[in-house]
Structures are given as C-alpha cells and as structure tokens.
C-alpha cells in the first residue's frame, strides 16, 4: 500500500500528523489514513457525486469501528484548500483537472514537518 510506504519512507509518527488527500474520490485512502492512526484524516474532492459517496463511506467506516479518527471530507477545489496548521502528509491525485492552475499544489507525498 502506497500510504504505508510513504509513512515509512518519511519516517513519521502518524499520530503527530494530519493526512490530506487531494482528489480523494470515494474516500478510500482517507479511511486507510484514519485507520493508520493519523491525528486527522482529510479528503478534498471536486466532484459532488464522489464527495457524497465519500461522506457515506466515512460514516459506515466509523460506525463499523474502522477508526477512532473521524474522516473529514471537503467538497471543493484542491488548489483553494488550505491544510490545517501543523505537520502533515499530503497525497495528491496526479491529474488535478479541476484545480485552479494559478495556485500551487505541492507534490505527491509531500511532508510538512513541525518546527
């Protein structure tokens, strides 16, 4: 799984980091991040129909005991979303077709460290 590899390669403790998935689709990776123990697990999706599915999937995942970390899903343009303050691990869909090209989105698997 790519997320586990990214966490291992970055050498981070997920409990101290937020996870943000830009282009989160139906929310699968956000749920994996929540189960992996990230402090926050956030998905940003442009397509309303995928966002609605992610919300339903996140509710089912949480109610089934998938994680104590709540999955957060944001409907919007990835280029306009400001991640939470503090350290985070960001996963980006390679083809952000709906992203405002004038805004910068950092590369796949970017890690912002505290301090």
Protein backbone atom coordinates (compact mmCIF):
# COMPACT_ATOMS: atom_id res chain seq x y z
CA UNK A 1 0.00 0.00 0.00
CA UNK A 2 1.40 3.36 -1.08
CA UNK A 3 0.34 5.17 2.10
CA UNK A 4 2.20 2.75 4.37
CA UNK A 5 5.27 3.11 2.15
CA UNK A 6 5.05 6.93 2.28
CA UNK A 7 4.79 6.88 6.09
CA UNK A 8 7.76 4.51 6.36
CA UNK A 9 9.88 6.47 3.86
CA UNK A 10 9.10 9.79 5.58
CA UNK A 11 9.87 8.28 8.99
CA UNK A 12 6.91 9.96 10.67
CA UNK A 13 4.63 9.08 13.55
CA UNK A 14 1.11 9.35 12.05
CA UNK A 15 -0.37 10.26 15.44
CA UNK A 16 1.50 13.59 15.24
CA UNK A 17 0.45 14.39 11.66
CA UNK A 18 -2.64 15.32 9.70
CA UNK A 19 -3.20 13.50 6.40
CA UNK A 20 -4.69 15.33 3.41
CA UNK A 21 -5.72 13.53 0.21
CA UNK A 22 -6.26 15.96 -2.67
CA UNK A 23 -8.61 14.33 -5.18
CA UNK A 24 -9.97 11.92 -2.57
CA UNK A 25 -12.71 10.38 -4.72
CA UNK A 26 -14.84 7.95 -2.69
CA UNK A 27 -12.61 8.35 0.39
CA UNK A 28 -10.79 5.01 0.48
CA UNK A 29 -7.31 6.43 1.19
CA UNK A 30 -8.70 8.85 3.79
CA UNK A 31 -10.23 5.89 5.63
CA UNK A 32 -6.93 3.99 5.42
CA UNK A 33 -5.14 7.03 6.87
CA UNK A 34 -7.67 7.21 9.71
CA UNK A 35 -7.13 3.51 10.46
CA UNK A 36 -3.34 4.07 10.28
CA UNK A 37 -3.70 6.46 13.24
CA UNK A 38 -3.23 9.91 11.73
CA UNK A 39 -4.25 12.77 14.02
CA UNK A 40 -6.64 13.98 11.30
CA UNK A 41 -7.66 12.31 8.00
CA UNK A 42 -8.96 14.79 5.41
CA UNK A 43 -10.10 14.32 1.82
CA UNK A 44 -10.63 17.15 -0.67
CA UNK A 45 -12.77 16.31 -3.72
CA UNK A 46 -14.10 18.49 -6.54
CA UNK A 47 -16.86 16.19 -7.84
CA UNK A 48 -20.05 16.43 -5.72
CA UNK A 49 -21.15 12.88 -6.58
CA UNK A 50 -17.83 11.40 -5.36
CA UNK A 51 -17.88 13.65 -2.29
CA UNK A 52 -21.36 12.38 -1.35
CA UNK A 53 -20.19 8.77 -1.70
CA UNK A 54 -17.12 9.53 0.44
CA UNK A 55 -19.33 11.01 3.18
CA UNK A 56 -21.50 7.87 3.23
CA UNK A 57 -18.44 5.60 3.15
CA UNK A 58 -16.84 7.55 6.01
CA UNK A 59 -19.96 7.26 8.16
CA UNK A 60 -20.17 3.50 7.55
CA UNK A 61 -16.44 3.11 8.25
CA UNK A 62 -16.64 4.99 11.55
CA UNK A 63 -19.84 3.25 12.72
CA UNK A 64 -18.28 -0.15 11.94
CA UNK A 65 -15.37 0.71 14.26
CA UNK A 66 -12.87 1.32 11.45
CA UNK A 67 -11.09 4.04 13.42
CA UNK A 68 -11.46 6.47 16.28
CA UNK A 69 -10.15 9.19 13.94
CA UNK A 70 -13.09 10.83 12.15
CA UNK A 71 -12.76 11.06 8.39
CA UNK A 72 -13.22 14.64 7.22
CA UNK A 73 -14.37 15.27 3.65
CA UNK A 74 -14.25 18.69 1.97
CA UNK A 75 -16.08 19.48 -1.26
CA UNK A 76 -14.00 21.95 -3.26
CA UNK A 77 -11.05 22.81 -5.47
CA UNK A 78 -7.82 21.26 -4.20
CA UNK A 79 -5.91 24.40 -5.17
CA UNK A 80 -8.11 26.52 -2.91
CA UNK A 81 -7.96 24.29 0.17
CA UNK A 82 -5.64 25.40 2.98
CA UNK A 83 -4.49 22.40 5.03
CA UNK A 84 -4.63 22.56 8.83
CA UNK A 85 -1.78 24.14 10.72
CA UNK A 86 0.93 21.81 11.95
CA UNK A 87 2.75 18.89 10.41
CA UNK A 88 1.00 16.96 7.66
CA UNK A 89 1.41 14.35 4.95
CA UNK A 90 -0.26 15.25 1.65
CA UNK A 91 -1.26 12.90 -1.13
CA UNK A 92 -2.16 14.41 -4.49
CA UNK A 93 -4.05 12.93 -7.38
CA UNK A 94 -1.65 13.10 -10.32
CA UNK A 95 -4.23 14.67 -12.64
CA UNK A 96 -5.91 17.55 -10.86
CA UNK A 97 -8.04 18.52 -13.84
CA UNK A 98 -10.32 20.76 -11.79
CA UNK A 99 -7.58 22.56 -9.87
CA UNK A 100 -7.02 26.26 -10.48
CA UNK A 101 -3.71 26.28 -12.40
CA UNK A 102 -2.67 29.60 -10.87
CA UNK A 103 -2.50 28.06 -7.40
CA UNK A 104 0.36 25.85 -6.28
CA UNK A 105 -0.31 22.32 -5.07
CA UNK A 106 2.67 20.53 -3.57
CA UNK A 107 3.97 17.22 -4.96
CA UNK A 108 2.75 13.69 -4.22
CA UNK A 109 3.55 12.53 -0.73
CA UNK A 110 4.81 15.91 0.50
CA UNK A 111 5.54 16.06 4.21
CA UNK A 112 5.41 19.32 6.17
CA UNK A 113 7.21 18.92 9.47
CA UNK A 114 6.66 20.84 12.68
CA UNK A 115 9.10 23.49 13.70
